[in-house]
Amino acid sequence: MMTIIAENAAMETVRGIEKELDKYLYMRQLHHENPNLYYKLLINNAQELVTVVYAPTVGQVYMDYSKLPNCPRSKLVPS
C-alpha cells in the first residue's frame, strides 16, 4: 500500500528537477518501477504533471529520443 510519504517524496523530487526533459525521464522511470505511485501522482497533481508526461515535453522527447537512456520492458526468450 502506498503511503502519503512516498507520494510527497516523489513530488518533491519532481519539483526539485529543473529541466522538463529530466522530469519526464524521472516520471518514465517511476512508471516503470512503480506504476501505482505514478498514476496516483498524476491523479493528485494533474495540472502540474500533465505538461511533463504529455505535451510539450513529449514533443521534445520525440526530437531527442535517440539520446535518451533505454529502459527495456521485456526480454526475448529464444525458442
C-alpha atoms as a PDB file:
ATOM      1  CA  MET A   1       0.000   0.000   0.000  1.00  0.00           C
ATOM      2  CA  MET A   2       1.243   3.408  -0.952  1.00  0.00           C
ATOM      3  CA  THR A   3       1.801   5.998   1.712  1.00  0.00           C
ATOM      4  CA  ILE A   4       1.405   9.733   1.618  1.00  0.00           C
ATOM      5  CA  ILE A   5       5.115   9.891   2.490  1.00  0.00           C
ATOM      6  CA  ALA A   6       6.091   8.151  -0.764  1.00  0.00           C
ATOM      7  CA  GLU A   7       3.756  10.415  -2.720  1.00  0.00           C
ATOM      8  CA  ASN A   8       5.146  13.561  -1.102  1.00  0.00           C
ATOM      9  CA  ALA A   9       8.739  12.411  -1.593  1.00  0.00           C
ATOM     10  CA  ALA A  10       8.146  11.705  -5.291  1.00  0.00           C
ATOM     11  CA  MET A  11       6.543  15.121  -5.825  1.00  0.00           C
ATOM     12  CA  GLU A  12       9.422  16.832  -4.007  1.00  0.00           C
ATOM     13  CA  THR A  13      11.792  15.018  -6.348  1.00  0.00           C
ATOM     14  CA  VAL A  14       9.857  16.127  -9.424  1.00  0.00           C
ATOM     15  CA  ARG A  15       9.693  19.713  -8.197  1.00  0.00           C
ATOM     16  CA  GLY A  16      13.432  19.683  -7.491  1.00  0.00           C
ATOM     17  CA  ILE A  17      14.299  18.777 -11.075  1.00  0.00           C
ATOM     18  CA  GLU A  18      14.931  21.859 -13.195  1.00  0.00           C
ATOM     19  CA  LYS A  19      14.678  20.609 -16.790  1.00  0.00           C
ATOM     20  CA  GLU A  20      11.346  19.381 -18.120  1.00  0.00           C
ATOM     21  CA  LEU A  21      13.057  16.578 -20.041  1.00  0.00           C
ATOM     22  CA  ASP A  22      14.685  15.338 -16.833  1.00  0.00           C
ATOM     23  CA  LYS A  23      11.290  15.452 -15.106  1.00  0.00           C
ATOM     24  CA  TYR A  24       9.891  13.371 -17.956  1.00  0.00           C
ATOM     25  CA  LEU A  25      12.691  10.824 -17.567  1.00  0.00           C
ATOM     26  CA  TYR A  26      12.053  10.621 -13.812  1.00  0.00           C
ATOM     27  CA  MET A  27       8.338  10.080 -14.367  1.00  0.00           C
ATOM     28  CA  ARG A  28       9.017   7.472 -17.060  1.00  0.00           C
ATOM     29  CA  GLN A  29      11.277   5.579 -14.667  1.00  0.00           C
ATOM     30  CA  LEU A  30       8.669   5.874 -11.907  1.00  0.00           C
ATOM     31  CA  HIS A  31       6.045   4.474 -14.294  1.00  0.00           C
ATOM     32  CA  HIS A  32       8.315   1.508 -14.973  1.00  0.00           C
ATOM     33  CA  GLU A  33       9.236   0.855 -11.318  1.00  0.00           C
ATOM     34  CA  ASN A  34       6.022   1.781  -9.503  1.00  0.00           C
ATOM     35  CA  PRO A  35       3.027   2.338 -11.808  1.00  0.00           C
ATOM     36  CA  ASN A  36       0.625   2.710  -8.868  1.00  0.00           C
ATOM     37  CA  LEU A  37       2.590   5.647  -7.486  1.00  0.00           C
ATOM     38  CA  TYR A  38       2.961   7.134 -10.989  1.00  0.00           C
ATOM     39  CA  TYR A  39      -0.799   7.179 -11.571  1.00  0.00           C
ATOM     40  CA  LYS A  40      -1.507   8.367  -8.034  1.00  0.00           C
ATOM     41  CA  LEU A  41       0.780  11.359  -8.665  1.00  0.00           C
ATOM     42  CA  LEU A  42      -0.933  12.082 -11.980  1.00  0.00           C
ATOM     43  CA  ILE A  43      -4.384  11.933 -10.413  1.00  0.00           C
ATOM     44  CA  ASN A  44      -3.489  14.166  -7.468  1.00  0.00           C
ATOM     45  CA  ASN A  45      -1.218  16.582  -9.383  1.00  0.00           C
ATOM     46  CA  ALA A  46      -2.663  16.501 -12.890  1.00  0.00           C
ATOM     47  CA  GLN A  47      -2.365  20.216 -13.598  1.00  0.00           C
ATOM     48  CA  GLU A  48       1.312  20.241 -12.648  1.00  0.00           C
ATOM     49  CA  LEU A  49       2.342  16.932 -14.237  1.00  0.00           C
ATOM     50  CA  VAL A  50       0.349  16.750 -17.455  1.00  0.00           C
ATOM     51  CA  THR A  51       2.800  19.088 -19.182  1.00  0.00           C
ATOM     52  CA  VAL A  52       5.649  16.822 -18.059  1.00  0.00           C
ATOM     53  CA  VAL A  53       4.231  13.491 -19.212  1.00  0.00           C
ATOM     54  CA  TYR A  54       2.406  14.777 -22.265  1.00  0.00           C
ATOM     55  CA  ALA A  55       2.872  17.868 -24.445  1.00  0.00           C
ATOM     56  CA  PRO A  56       5.079  19.873 -24.876  1.00  0.00           C
ATOM     57  CA  THR A  57       7.717  17.747 -23.123  1.00  0.00           C
ATOM     58  CA  VAL A  58       6.812  14.678 -25.141  1.00  0.00           C
ATOM     59  CA  GLY A  59       7.450  16.652 -28.333  1.00  0.00           C
ATOM     60  CA  GLN A  60      10.973  17.309 -27.079  1.00  0.00           C
ATOM     61  CA  VAL A  61      11.335  13.632 -26.189  1.00  0.00           C
ATOM     62  CA  TYR A  62      10.412  12.634 -29.745  1.00  0.00           C
ATOM     63  CA  MET A  63      13.029  15.002 -31.143  1.00  0.00           C
ATOM     64  CA  ASP A  64      15.741  13.758 -28.761  1.00  0.00           C
ATOM     65  CA  TYR A  65      14.616  10.107 -28.479  1.00  0.00           C
ATOM     66  CA  SER A  66      17.857   8.628 -29.749  1.00  0.00           C
ATOM     67  CA  LYS A  67      19.759  10.416 -26.953  1.00  0.00           C
ATOM     68  CA  LEU A  68      17.584   9.071 -24.120  1.00  0.00           C
ATOM     69  CA  PRO A  69      18.594   6.135 -21.919  1.00  0.00           C
ATOM     70  CA  ASN A  70      16.894   2.923 -22.954  1.00  0.00           C
ATOM     71  CA  CYS A  71      14.725   1.114 -20.404  1.00  0.00           C
ATOM     72  CA  PRO A  72      13.742  -2.241 -21.881  1.00  0.00           C
ATOM     73  CA  ARG A  73      10.453  -3.589 -20.560  1.00  0.00           C
ATOM     74  CA  SER A  74      10.578  -7.085 -21.949  1.00  0.00           C
ATOM     75  CA  LYS A  75      13.051  -9.757 -22.819  1.00  0.00           C
ATOM     76  CA  LEU A  76      13.168 -12.073 -25.780  1.00  0.00           C
ATOM     77  CA  VAL A  77      13.092 -15.738 -24.942  1.00  0.00           C
ATOM     78  CA  PRO A  78      14.680 -17.975 -27.542  1.00  0.00           C
ATOM     79  CA  SER A  79      12.630 -20.977 -28.620  1.00  0.00           C
END
